[in-house]
Amino acid sequence: VLEDAGKILNRDPIVRSASGVPAGTYTLTMTCDGGGKAFFAVSLDGSQLAEAGAACNGSRETARIKVPAAGKVTLSTSSVDAPLLYAYHLAASE
């Protein structure tokens, strides 16, 4: 559904969206590197569904996200510990 990777250079969130996402259960897999922590906020049509974090030590973290209705899903990535590298993948759970 959504995936992104890059570098957070400052405290400004990096936002990505996907329209027409069907209702269901999704798995958010995330990682970051560089010290500190990255935060990943998932919302549906402007209403926050979940927030997850990953310690920036290169390990992979996962979170289950329930999307109650079809709509536009937005994922915002941020950190107060910039600069750091991040990556995430939001996919339908099996």
PDB file of N, CA and C in Angstrom:
ATOM      1  N   VAL A   1       0.833  -1.183   0.000  1.00  0.00           N
ATOM      2  CA  VAL A   1       0.000   0.000   0.000  1.00  0.00           C
ATOM      3  C   VAL A   1       0.881   1.250   0.000  1.00  0.00           C
ATOM      4  N   LEU A   2       1.808   1.316   0.966  1.00  0.00           N
ATOM      5  CA  LEU A   2       2.727   2.449   1.059  1.00  0.00           C
ATOM      6  C   LEU A   2       4.102   1.950   1.446  1.00  0.00           C
ATOM      7  N   GLU A   3       5.135   2.585   0.897  1.00  0.00           N
ATOM      8  CA  GLU A   3       6.494   2.326   1.345  1.00  0.00           C
ATOM      9  C   GLU A   3       7.331   3.544   1.014  1.00  0.00           C
ATOM     10  N   ASP A   4       8.364   3.755   1.817  1.00  0.00           N
ATOM     11  CA  ASP A   4       9.240   4.895   1.611  1.00  0.00           C
ATOM     12  C   ASP A   4      10.532   4.635   2.364  1.00  0.00           C
ATOM     13  N   ALA A   5      11.576   5.288   1.948  1.00  0.00           N
ATOM     14  CA  ALA A   5      12.863   5.234   2.630  1.00  0.00           C
ATOM     15  C   ALA A   5      13.591   6.531   2.325  1.00  0.00           C
ATOM     16  N   GLY A   6      14.413   6.966   3.261  1.00  0.00           N
ATOM     17  CA  GLY A   6      15.145   8.193   3.032  1.00  0.00           C
ATOM     18  C   GLY A   6      15.828   8.677   4.288  1.00  0.00           C
ATOM     19  N   LYS A   7      16.063   9.978   4.319  1.00  0.00           N
ATOM     20  CA  LYS A   7      16.778  10.594   5.424  1.00  0.00           C
ATOM     21  C   LYS A   7      15.929  11.724   5.995  1.00  0.00           C
ATOM     22  N   ILE A   8      15.737  11.700   7.293  1.00  0.00           N
ATOM     23  CA  ILE A   8      15.062  12.797   7.980  1.00  0.00           C
ATOM     24  C   ILE A   8      16.156  13.804   8.340  1.00  0.00           C
ATOM     25  N   LEU A   9      16.083  14.981   7.764  1.00  0.00           N
ATOM     26  CA  LEU A   9      17.129  15.990   7.964  1.00  0.00           C
ATOM     27  C   LEU A   9      16.808  16.963   9.091  1.00  0.00           C
ATOM     28  N   ASN A  10      15.517  17.124   9.391  1.00  0.00           N
ATOM     29  CA  ASN A  10      15.107  18.060  10.446  1.00  0.00           C
ATOM     30  C   ASN A  10      13.836  17.523  11.101  1.00  0.00           C
ATOM     31  N   ARG A  11      13.184  18.306  11.898  1.00  0.00           N
ATOM     32  CA  ARG A  11      12.006  17.838  12.636  1.00  0.00           C
ATOM     33  C   ARG A  11      10.713  17.881  11.825  1.00  0.00           C
ATOM     34  N   ASP A  12      10.772  18.309  10.572  1.00  0.00           N
ATOM     35  CA  ASP A  12       9.577  18.361   9.738  1.00  0.00           C
ATOM     36  C   ASP A  12       9.160  16.948   9.335  1.00  0.00           C
ATOM     37  N   PRO A  13       7.880  16.588   9.500  1.00  0.00           N
ATOM     38  CA  PRO A  13       7.415  15.251   9.122  1.00  0.00           C
ATOM     39  C   PRO A  13       7.495  15.031   7.607  1.00  0.00           C
ATOM     40  N   ILE A  14       7.724  13.796   7.215  1.00  0.00           N
ATOM     41  CA  ILE A  14       7.695  13.380   5.815  1.00  0.00           C
ATOM     42  C   ILE A  14       6.396  12.600   5.644  1.00  0.00           C
ATOM     43  N   VAL A  15       5.519  13.073   4.756  1.00  0.00           N
ATOM     44  CA  VAL A  15       4.173  12.521   4.633  1.00  0.00           C
ATOM     45  C   VAL A  15       3.978  11.904   3.253  1.00  0.00           C
ATOM     46  N   ARG A  16       3.435  10.672   3.244  1.00  0.00           N
ATOM     47  CA  ARG A  16       3.092   9.970   2.011  1.00  0.00           C
ATOM     48  C   ARG A  16       1.656   9.468   2.146  1.00  0.00           C
ATOM     49  N   SER A  17       0.917   9.417   1.021  1.00  0.00           N
ATOM     50  CA  SER A  17      -0.486   8.991   1.053  1.00  0.00           C
ATOM     51  C   SER A  17      -0.795   8.012  -0.068  1.00  0.00           C
ATOM     52  N   ALA A  18      -1.827   7.206   0.147  1.00  0.00           N
ATOM     53  CA  ALA A  18      -2.362   6.309  -0.880  1.00  0.00           C
ATOM     54  C   ALA A  18      -3.879   6.383  -0.816  1.00  0.00           C
ATOM     55  N   SER A  19      -4.519   6.594  -1.953  1.00  0.00           N
ATOM     56  CA  SER A  19      -5.984   6.679  -2.017  1.00  0.00           C
ATOM     57  C   SER A  19      -6.582   5.322  -2.343  1.00  0.00           C
ATOM     58  N   GLY A  20      -7.835   5.135  -1.963  1.00  0.00           N
ATOM     59  CA  GLY A  20      -8.562   3.924  -2.297  1.00  0.00           C
ATOM     60  C   GLY A  20      -8.065   2.669  -1.592  1.00  0.00           C
ATOM     61  N   VAL A  21      -7.529   2.830  -0.393  1.00  0.00           N
ATOM     62  CA  VAL A  21      -7.042   1.679   0.368  1.00  0.00           C
ATOM     63  C   VAL A  21      -8.244   0.961   0.969  1.00  0.00           C
ATOM     64  N   PRO A  22      -8.384  -0.339   0.717  1.00  0.00           N
ATOM     65  CA  PRO A  22      -9.544  -1.060   1.250  1.00  0.00           C
ATOM     66  C   PRO A  22      -9.445  -1.304   2.756  1.00  0.00           C
ATOM     67  N   ALA A  23     -10.595  -1.494   3.382  1.00  0.00           N
ATOM     68  CA  ALA A  23     -10.629  -1.831   4.808  1.00  0.00           C
ATOM     69  C   ALA A  23      -9.925  -3.163   5.010  1.00  0.00           C
ATOM     70  N   GLY A  24      -9.320  -3.329   6.194  1.00  0.00           N
ATOM     71  CA  GLY A  24      -8.649  -4.583   6.504  1.00  0.00           C
ATOM     72  C   GLY A  24      -7.548  -4.388   7.524  1.00  0.00           C
ATOM     73  N   THR A  25      -6.792  -5.439   7.743  1.00  0.00           N
ATOM     74  CA  THR A  25      -5.683  -5.397   8.683  1.00  0.00           C
ATOM     75  C   THR A  25      -4.389  -5.335   7.893  1.00  0.00           C
ATOM     76  N   TYR A  26      -3.513  -4.445   8.305  1.00  0.00           N
ATOM     77  CA  TYR A  26      -2.249  -4.198   7.614  1.00  0.00           C
ATOM     78  C   TYR A  26      -1.093  -4.339   8.598  1.00  0.00           C
ATOM     79  N   THR A  27       0.083  -4.647   8.061  1.00  0.00           N
ATOM     80  CA  THR A  27       1.294  -4.724   8.867  1.00  0.00           C
ATOM     81  C   THR A  27       2.227  -3.603   8.433  1.00  0.00           C
ATOM     82  N   LEU A  28       2.658  -2.807   9.411  1.00  0.00           N
ATOM     83  CA  LEU A  28       3.631  -1.748   9.176  1.00  0.00           C
ATOM     84  C   LEU A  28       4.986  -2.260   9.663  1.00  0.00           C
ATOM     85  N   THR A  29       5.925  -2.390   8.745  1.00  0.00           N
ATOM     86  CA  THR A  29       7.284  -2.805   9.077  1.00  0.00           C
ATOM     87  C   THR A  29       8.167  -1.573   8.931  1.00  0.00           C
ATOM     88  N   MET A  30       8.947  -1.263   9.967  1.00  0.00           N
ATOM     89  CA  MET A  30       9.725  -0.028   9.947  1.00  0.00           C
ATOM     90  C   MET A  30      11.101  -0.239  10.575  1.00  0.00           C
ATOM     91  N   THR A  31      12.031   0.596  10.173  1.00  0.00           N
ATOM     92  CA  THR A  31      13.372   0.573  10.735  1.00  0.00           C
ATOM     93  C   THR A  31      13.981   1.963  10.593  1.00  0.00           C
ATOM     94  N   CYS A  32      14.969   2.243  11.418  1.00  0.00           N
ATOM     95  CA  CYS A  32      15.717   3.487  11.250  1.00  0.00           C
ATOM     96  C   CYS A  32      17.117   3.286  11.813  1.00  0.00           C
ATOM     97  N   ASP A  33      18.013   4.171  11.430  1.00  0.00           N
ATOM     98  CA  ASP A  33      19.400   4.073  11.843  1.00  0.00           C
ATOM     99  C   ASP A  33      19.953   5.482  12.035  1.00  0.00           C
ATOM    100  N   GLY A  34      20.755   5.660  13.061  1.00  0.00           N
ATOM    101  CA  GLY A  34      21.370   6.960  13.268  1.00  0.00           C
ATOM    102  C   GLY A  34      21.282   7.449  14.698  1.00  0.00           C
ATOM    103  N   GLY A  35      20.719   6.666  15.582  1.00  0.00           N
ATOM    104  CA  GLY A  35      20.583   7.103  16.974  1.00  0.00           C
ATOM    105  C   GLY A  35      19.249   7.765  17.215  1.00  0.00           C
ATOM    106  N   GLY A  36      18.655   7.512  18.361  1.00  0.00           N
ATOM    107  CA  GLY A  36      17.360   8.110  18.691  1.00  0.00           C
ATOM    108  C   GLY A  36      16.214   7.215  18.307  1.00  0.00           C
ATOM    109  N   LYS A  37      15.104   7.827  17.872  1.00  0.00           N
ATOM    110  CA  LYS A  37      13.892   7.090  17.556  1.00  0.00           C
ATOM    111  C   LYS A  37      13.137   7.806  16.448  1.00  0.00           C
ATOM    112  N   ALA A  38      12.476   7.037  15.585  1.00  0.00           N
ATOM    113  CA  ALA A  38      11.607   7.586  14.545  1.00  0.00           C
ATOM    114  C   ALA A  38      10.170   7.209  14.884  1.00  0.00           C
ATOM    115  N   PHE A  39       9.239   8.074  14.526  1.00  0.00           N
ATOM    116  CA  PHE A  39       7.819   7.855  14.798  1.00  0.00           C
ATOM    117  C   PHE A  39       7.062   7.792  13.476  1.00  0.00           C
ATOM    118  N   PHE A  40       6.101   6.880  13.408  1.00  0.00           N
ATOM    119  CA  PHE A  40       5.324   6.643  12.208  1.00  0.00           C
ATOM    120  C   PHE A  40       3.851   6.735  12.592  1.00  0.00           C
ATOM    121  N   ALA A  41       3.141   7.749  12.086  1.00  0.00           N
ATOM    122  CA  ALA A  41       1.721   7.948  12.402  1.00  0.00           C
ATOM    123  C   ALA A  41       0.893   7.602  11.169  1.00  0.00           C
ATOM    124  N   VAL A  42      -0.116   6.733  11.359  1.00  0.00           N
ATOM    125  CA  VAL A  42      -0.978   6.294  10.268  1.00  0.00           C
ATOM    126  C   VAL A  42      -2.366   6.873  10.485  1.00  0.00           C
ATOM    127  N   SER A  43      -2.913   7.497   9.430  1.00  0.00           N
ATOM    128  CA  SER A  43      -4.260   8.052   9.544  1.00  0.00           C
ATOM    129  C   SER A  43      -5.096   7.652   8.335  1.00  0.00           C
ATOM    130  N   LEU A  44      -6.405   7.669   8.521  1.00  0.00           N
ATOM    131  CA  LEU A  44      -7.379   7.354   7.472  1.00  0.00           C
ATOM    132  C   LEU A  44      -8.275   8.570   7.305  1.00  0.00           C
ATOM    133  N   ASP A  45      -8.241   9.172   6.114  1.00  0.00           N
ATOM    134  CA  ASP A  45      -9.066  10.352   5.820  1.00  0.00           C
ATOM    135  C   ASP A  45      -8.949  11.420   6.902  1.00  0.00           C
ATOM    136  N   GLY A  46      -7.743  11.621   7.433  1.00  0.00           N
ATOM    137  CA  GLY A  46      -7.493  12.667   8.417  1.00  0.00           C
ATOM    138  C   GLY A  46      -7.637  12.258   9.866  1.00  0.00           C
ATOM    139  N   SER A  47      -8.177  11.070  10.145  1.00  0.00           N
ATOM    140  CA  SER A  47      -8.325  10.594  11.528  1.00  0.00           C
ATOM    141  C   SER A  47      -7.211   9.601  11.848  1.00  0.00           C
ATOM    142  N   GLN A  48      -6.477   9.866  12.916  1.00  0.00           N
ATOM    143  CA  GLN A  48      -5.343   9.005  13.266  1.00  0.00           C
ATOM    144  C   GLN A  48      -5.812   7.613  13.662  1.00  0.00           C
ATOM    145  N   LEU A  49      -5.176   6.596  13.077  1.00  0.00           N
ATOM    146  CA  LEU A  49      -5.471   5.197  13.398  1.00  0.00           C
ATOM    147  C   LEU A  49      -4.477   4.633  14.391  1.00  0.00           C
ATOM    148  N   ALA A  50      -3.200   4.968  14.208  1.00  0.00           N
ATOM    149  CA  ALA A  50      -2.159   4.367  15.051  1.00  0.00           C
ATOM    150  C   ALA A  50      -0.889   5.193  14.963  1.00  0.00           C
ATOM    151  N   GLU A  51      -0.062   5.038  15.997  1.00  0.00           N
ATOM    152  CA  GLU A  51       1.275   5.622  15.992  1.00  0.00           C
ATOM    153  C   GLU A  51       2.224   4.540  16.482  1.00  0.00           C
ATOM    154  N   ALA A  52       3.333   4.394  15.791  1.00  0.00           N
ATOM    155  CA  ALA A  52       4.326   3.392  16.155  1.00  0.00           C
ATOM    156  C   ALA A  52       5.699   4.056  16.125  1.00  0.00           C
ATOM    157  N   GLY A  53       6.646   3.443  16.807  1.00  0.00           N
ATOM    158  CA  GLY A  53       7.994   3.976  16.833  1.00  0.00           C
ATOM    159  C   GLY A  53       9.014   2.891  16.596  1.00  0.00           C
ATOM    160  N   ALA A  54      10.178   3.311  16.166  1.00  0.00           N
ATOM    161  CA  ALA A  54      11.277   2.376  15.957  1.00  0.00           C
ATOM    162  C   ALA A  54      12.541   2.994  16.534  1.00  0.00           C
ATOM    163  N   ALA A  55      13.249   2.220  17.346  1.00  0.00           N
ATOM    164  CA  ALA A  55      14.546   2.654  17.856  1.00  0.00           C
ATOM    165  C   ALA A  55      15.536   2.623  16.697  1.00  0.00           C
ATOM    166  N   CYS A  56      16.332   3.661  16.582  1.00  0.00           N
ATOM    167  CA  CYS A  56      17.225   3.794  15.429  1.00  0.00           C
ATOM    168  C   CYS A  56      18.540   3.061  15.643  1.00  0.00           C
ATOM    169  N   ASN A  57      18.438   1.731  15.735  1.00  0.00           N
ATOM    170  CA  ASN A  57      19.624   0.895  15.896  1.00  0.00           C
ATOM    171  C   ASN A  57      19.704  -0.138  14.781  1.00  0.00           C
ATOM    172  N   GLY A  58      18.926   0.047  13.715  1.00  0.00           N
ATOM    173  CA  GLY A  58      18.953  -0.850  12.575  1.00  0.00           C
ATOM    174  C   GLY A  58      18.054  -2.062  12.703  1.00  0.00           C
ATOM    175  N   SER A  59      17.413  -2.265  13.871  1.00  0.00           N
ATOM    176  CA  SER A  59      16.529  -3.414  14.017  1.00  0.00           C
ATOM    177  C   SER A  59      15.179  -3.123  13.362  1.00  0.00           C
ATOM    178  N   ARG A  60      14.461  -4.182  13.010  1.00  0.00           N
ATOM    179  CA  ARG A  60      13.171  -4.037  12.353  1.00  0.00           C
ATOM    180  C   ARG A  60      12.056  -4.154  13.385  1.00  0.00           C
ATOM    181  N   GLU A  61      11.096  -3.251  13.315  1.00  0.00           N
ATOM    182  CA  GLU A  61       9.929  -3.245  14.197  1.00  0.00           C
ATOM    183  C   GLU A  61       8.686  -3.461  13.336  1.00  0.00           C
ATOM    184  N   THR A  62       7.641  -4.056  13.932  1.00  0.00           N
ATOM    185  CA  THR A  62       6.386  -4.224  13.203  1.00  0.00           C
ATOM    186  C   THR A  62       5.216  -3.797  14.083  1.00  0.00           C
ATOM    187  N   ALA A  63       4.151  -3.365  13.430  1.00  0.00           N
ATOM    188  CA  ALA A  63       2.917  -3.007  14.129  1.00  0.00           C
ATOM    189  C   ALA A  63       1.752  -3.397  13.229  1.00  0.00           C
ATOM    190  N   ARG A  64       0.662  -3.861  13.846  1.00  0.00           N
ATOM    191  CA  ARG A  64      -0.551  -4.180  13.088  1.00  0.00           C
ATOM    192  C   ARG A  64      -1.472  -2.965  13.123  1.00  0.00           C
ATOM    193  N   ILE A  65      -1.989  -2.628  11.953  1.00  0.00           N
ATOM    194  CA  ILE A  65      -2.858  -1.468  11.804  1.00  0.00           C
ATOM    195  C   ILE A  65      -4.191  -1.948  11.247  1.00  0.00           C
ATOM    196  N   LYS A  66      -5.296  -1.600  11.917  1.00  0.00           N
ATOM    197  CA  LYS A  66      -6.629  -1.953  11.414  1.00  0.00           C
ATOM    198  C   LYS A  66      -7.224  -0.732  10.725  1.00  0.00           C
ATOM    199  N   VAL A  67      -7.546  -0.887   9.459  1.00  0.00           N
ATOM    200  CA  VAL A  67      -8.191   0.166   8.670  1.00  0.00           C
ATOM    201  C   VAL A  67      -9.679  -0.187   8.619  1.00  0.00           C
ATOM    202  N   PRO A  68     -10.533   0.581   9.318  1.00  0.00           N
ATOM    203  CA  PRO A  68     -11.936   0.208   9.468  1.00  0.00           C
ATOM    204  C   PRO A  68     -12.803   0.415   8.223  1.00  0.00           C
ATOM    205  N   ALA A  69     -12.372   1.279   7.295  1.00  0.00           N
ATOM    206  CA  ALA A  69     -13.159   1.560   6.094  1.00  0.00           C
ATOM    207  C   ALA A  69     -12.207   1.942   4.972  1.00  0.00           C
ATOM    208  N   ALA A  70     -12.668   1.802   3.751  1.00  0.00           N
ATOM    209  CA  ALA A  70     -11.844   2.189   2.603  1.00  0.00           C
ATOM    210  C   ALA A  70     -11.653   3.706   2.601  1.00  0.00           C
ATOM    211  N   GLY A  71     -10.505   4.154   2.133  1.00  0.00           N
ATOM    212  CA  GLY A  71     -10.260   5.587   2.062  1.00  0.00           C
ATOM    213  C   GLY A  71      -8.810   5.902   1.784  1.00  0.00           C
ATOM    214  N   LYS A  72      -8.445   7.143   2.068  1.00  0.00           N
ATOM    215  CA  LYS A  72      -7.082   7.635   1.857  1.00  0.00           C
ATOM    216  C   LYS A  72      -6.265   7.405   3.123  1.00  0.00           C
ATOM    217  N   VAL A  73      -5.217   6.598   3.013  1.00  0.00           N
ATOM    218  CA  VAL A  73      -4.330   6.330   4.139  1.00  0.00           C
ATOM    219  C   VAL A  73      -3.091   7.207   4.001  1.00  0.00           C
ATOM    220  N   THR A  74      -2.745   7.883   5.085  1.00  0.00           N
ATOM    221  CA  THR A  74      -1.579   8.762   5.122  1.00  0.00           C
ATOM    222  C   THR A  74      -0.628   8.272   6.196  1.00  0.00           C
ATOM    223  N   LEU A  75       0.656   8.251   5.868  1.00  0.00           N
ATOM    224  CA  LEU A  75       1.676   7.844   6.826  1.00  0.00           C
ATOM    225  C   LEU A  75       2.677   8.982   6.961  1.00  0.00           C
ATOM    226  N   SER A  76       2.859   9.448   8.191  1.00  0.00           N
ATOM    227  CA  SER A  76       3.765  10.550   8.503  1.00  0.00           C
ATOM    228  C   SER A  76       4.947  10.014   9.297  1.00  0.00           C
ATOM    229  N   THR A  77       6.155  10.316   8.843  1.00  0.00           N
ATOM    230  CA  THR A  77       7.382   9.876   9.509  1.00  0.00           C
ATOM    231  C   THR A  77       8.082  11.097  10.082  1.00  0.00           C
ATOM    232  N   SER A  78       8.503  11.003  11.362  1.00  0.00           N
ATOM    233  CA  SER A  78       9.173  12.146  11.981  1.00  0.00           C
ATOM    234  C   SER A  78      10.128  11.679  13.071  1.00  0.00           C
ATOM    235  N   SER A  79      10.986  12.596  13.503  1.00  0.00           N
ATOM    236  CA  SER A  79      11.908  12.318  14.599  1.00  0.00           C
ATOM    237  C   SER A  79      12.433  13.632  15.145  1.00  0.00           C
ATOM    238  N   VAL A  80      12.651  13.669  16.451  1.00  0.00           N
ATOM    239  CA  VAL A  80      13.301  14.827  17.060  1.00  0.00           C
ATOM    240  C   VAL A  80      14.813  14.613  17.093  1.00  0.00           C
ATOM    241  N   ASP A  81      15.255  13.416  16.670  1.00  0.00           N
ATOM    242  CA  ASP A  81      16.669  13.046  16.718  1.00  0.00           C
ATOM    243  C   ASP A  81      17.330  13.118  15.346  1.00  0.00           C
ATOM    244  N   ALA A  82      16.840  13.976  14.454  1.00  0.00           N
ATOM    245  CA  ALA A  82      17.399  14.093  13.103  1.00  0.00           C
ATOM    246  C   ALA A  82      18.855  14.591  13.184  1.00  0.00           C
ATOM    247  N   PRO A  83      19.681  14.244  12.222  1.00  0.00           N
ATOM    248  CA  PRO A  83      19.371  13.462  11.030  1.00  0.00           C
ATOM    249  C   PRO A  83      19.452  11.970  11.301  1.00  0.00           C
ATOM    250  N   LEU A  84      18.627  11.222  10.550  1.00  0.00           N
ATOM    251  CA  LEU A  84      18.654   9.759  10.630  1.00  0.00           C
ATOM    252  C   LEU A  84      18.059   9.169   9.365  1.00  0.00           C
ATOM    253  N   LEU A  85      18.335   7.892   9.141  1.00  0.00           N
ATOM    254  CA  LEU A  85      17.802   7.154   7.994  1.00  0.00           C
ATOM    255  C   LEU A  85      16.576   6.365   8.445  1.00  0.00           C
ATOM    256  N   TYR A  86      15.594   6.231   7.560  1.00  0.00           N
ATOM    257  CA  TYR A  86      14.388   5.472   7.899  1.00  0.00           C
ATOM    258  C   TYR A  86      13.910   4.691   6.689  1.00  0.00           C
ATOM    259  N   ALA A  87      13.117   3.675   6.945  1.00  0.00           N
ATOM    260  CA  ALA A  87      12.429   2.927   5.888  1.00  0.00           C
ATOM    261  C   ALA A  87      11.181   2.302   6.498  1.00  0.00           C
ATOM    262  N   TYR A  88      10.122   2.204   5.684  1.00  0.00           N
ATOM    263  CA  TYR A  88       8.913   1.516   6.153  1.00  0.00           C
ATOM    264  C   TYR A  88       8.187   0.893   4.975  1.00  0.00           C
ATOM    265  N   HIS A  89       7.319  -0.064   5.311  1.00  0.00           N
ATOM    266  CA  HIS A  89       6.510  -0.765   4.318  1.00  0.00           C
ATOM    267  C   HIS A  89       5.174  -1.093   4.996  1.00  0.00           C
ATOM    268  N   LEU A  90       4.087  -0.614   4.424  1.00  0.00           N
ATOM    269  CA  LEU A  90       2.747  -0.909   4.934  1.00  0.00           C
ATOM    270  C   LEU A  90       2.062  -1.828   3.920  1.00  0.00           C
ATOM    271  N   ALA A  91       1.730  -3.039   4.336  1.00  0.00           N
ATOM    272  CA  ALA A  91       1.148  -4.021   3.423  1.00  0.00           C
ATOM    273  C   ALA A  91      -0.003  -4.750   4.100  1.00  0.00           C
ATOM    274  N   ALA A  92      -0.919  -5.274   3.288  1.00  0.00           N
ATOM    275  CA  ALA A  92      -2.037  -6.053   3.810  1.00  0.00           C
ATOM    276  C   ALA A  92      -1.512  -7.283   4.524  1.00  0.00           C
ATOM    277  N   SER A  93      -2.094  -7.595   5.682  1.00  0.00           N
ATOM    278  CA  SER A  93      -1.709  -8.786   6.437  1.00  0.00           C
ATOM    279  C   SER A  93      -2.344 -10.006   5.791  1.00  0.00           C
ATOM    280  N   GLU A  94      -1.692 -11.122   5.938  1.00  0.00           N
ATOM    281  CA  GLU A  94      -2.209 -12.355   5.336  1.00  0.00           C
ATOM    282  C   GLU A  94      -3.044 -13.131   6.321  1.00  0.00           C
TER     283      GLU A  94
END
